[in-house]
Amino acid sequence: MTSSWPGGFQGQVVVKDTGGAALSSWNLGWTFPGNQKISSLWNGSLTQSGAAVTVANASYDGSIPAGGSVTVGFTATYSGSNTAPASISCT
């Protein structure tokens, strides 16, 4: 989370290629523990079904050179508590 306000927040995930070769595409996945709903996302393509979130690379940032990174950012809403996901997967 990079910032928050009553009923909303901004978050980001950094996708870093730690391998020895460039990536040609990437996907992120996580499950929010509450009722968080992403309202806008940049540097990726969003699918959200209930609490489950999947983010695929955008057409312009799928290729990440070895040692390089891409930052995905989003804004979201919630009510009640705003607990972070337990883990984020990257493939």
Protein backbone atom coordinates (compact mmCIF):
# COMPACT_ATOMS: atom_id res chain seq x y z
CA MET A 1 0.00 0.00 0.00
CA THR A 2 1.40 3.37 -0.98
CA SER A 3 -1.39 5.57 0.41
CA SER A 4 -4.83 5.26 1.96
CA TRP A 5 -7.94 7.28 2.76
CA PRO A 6 -11.29 6.37 4.35
CA GLY A 7 -12.77 3.60 2.19
CA GLY A 8 -9.92 3.46 -0.32
CA PHE A 9 -6.24 2.97 -0.95
CA GLN A 10 -3.52 2.91 -3.57
CA GLY A 11 -1.26 -0.09 -3.90
CA GLN A 12 1.59 -1.28 -6.05
CA VAL A 13 3.40 -4.50 -6.90
CA VAL A 14 6.90 -4.56 -8.39
CA VAL A 15 7.51 -7.43 -10.82
CA LYS A 16 11.27 -8.06 -10.99
CA ASP A 17 13.08 -10.49 -13.27
CA THR A 18 15.68 -12.08 -10.98
CA GLY A 19 16.62 -14.76 -13.52
CA GLY A 20 19.40 -14.76 -16.08
CA ALA A 21 17.18 -14.33 -19.14
CA ALA A 22 14.52 -11.85 -20.21
CA LEU A 23 10.85 -12.58 -19.51
CA SER A 24 8.44 -12.37 -22.43
CA SER A 25 5.28 -12.22 -20.29
CA TRP A 26 4.16 -12.34 -16.67
CA ASN A 27 1.06 -12.87 -14.51
CA LEU A 28 0.31 -11.94 -10.90
CA GLY A 29 -2.32 -13.43 -8.63
CA TRP A 30 -3.59 -12.79 -5.13
CA THR A 31 -6.72 -13.01 -3.02
CA PHE A 32 -7.83 -10.09 -0.91
CA PRO A 33 -8.85 -11.20 2.61
CA GLY A 34 -11.73 -8.69 2.72
CA ASN A 35 -14.08 -6.96 0.30
CA GLN A 36 -11.44 -4.87 -1.51
CA LYS A 37 -12.35 -4.02 -5.10
CA ILE A 38 -9.84 -2.60 -7.57
CA SER A 39 -11.31 0.42 -9.34
CA SER A 40 -8.40 1.29 -11.63
CA LEU A 41 -5.10 -0.36 -12.54
CA TRP A 42 -2.12 0.69 -14.64
CA ASN A 43 0.75 -1.24 -16.27
CA GLY A 44 -1.26 -4.45 -16.47
CA SER A 45 -4.52 -6.09 -17.49
CA LEU A 46 -6.90 -6.76 -14.58
CA THR A 47 -9.36 -9.56 -13.92
CA GLN A 48 -11.11 -9.60 -10.54
CA SER A 49 -13.72 -12.12 -9.50
CA GLY A 50 -14.84 -11.51 -5.93
CA ALA A 51 -11.69 -11.42 -3.80
CA ALA A 52 -9.51 -13.20 -6.42
CA VAL A 53 -7.30 -10.89 -8.51
CA THR A 54 -5.29 -11.74 -11.61
CA VAL A 55 -3.08 -9.22 -13.39
CA ALA A 56 -1.43 -10.05 -16.73
CA ASN A 57 1.15 -7.88 -18.41
CA ALA A 58 -0.04 -5.05 -20.62
CA SER A 59 0.83 -5.17 -24.32
CA TYR A 60 3.68 -2.71 -23.75
CA ASP A 61 5.36 -4.19 -20.64
CA GLY A 62 5.38 -7.97 -21.03
CA SER A 63 9.07 -8.11 -21.82
CA ILE A 64 11.28 -7.56 -18.78
CA PRO A 65 15.06 -7.82 -19.25
CA ALA A 66 17.11 -9.84 -16.76
CA GLY A 67 17.47 -7.68 -13.65
CA GLY A 68 14.71 -5.32 -14.87
CA SER A 69 11.33 -4.61 -13.32
CA VAL A 70 7.81 -3.32 -13.99
CA THR A 71 5.64 -1.59 -11.39
CA VAL A 72 1.90 -2.29 -11.41
CA GLY A 73 -0.21 0.26 -9.58
CA PHE A 74 -3.88 0.37 -8.64
CA THR A 75 -6.53 2.14 -6.62
CA ALA A 76 -9.17 0.21 -4.73
CA THR A 77 -12.14 0.61 -2.43
CA TYR A 78 -13.17 -1.33 0.67
CA SER A 79 -15.43 -1.23 3.70
CA GLY A 80 -14.60 -2.60 7.11
CA SER A 81 -10.97 -3.66 7.51
CA ASN A 82 -8.27 -3.33 4.86
CA THR A 83 -5.90 -6.22 5.45
CA ALA A 84 -3.16 -7.00 2.93
CA PRO A 85 -3.18 -10.32 1.00
CA ALA A 86 -1.16 -13.08 2.65
CA SER A 87 0.88 -13.68 -0.53
CA ILE A 88 1.20 -12.72 -4.19
CA SER A 89 2.15 -15.27 -6.84
CA CYS A 90 4.05 -14.41 -10.02
CA THR A 91 4.37 -16.63 -13.06
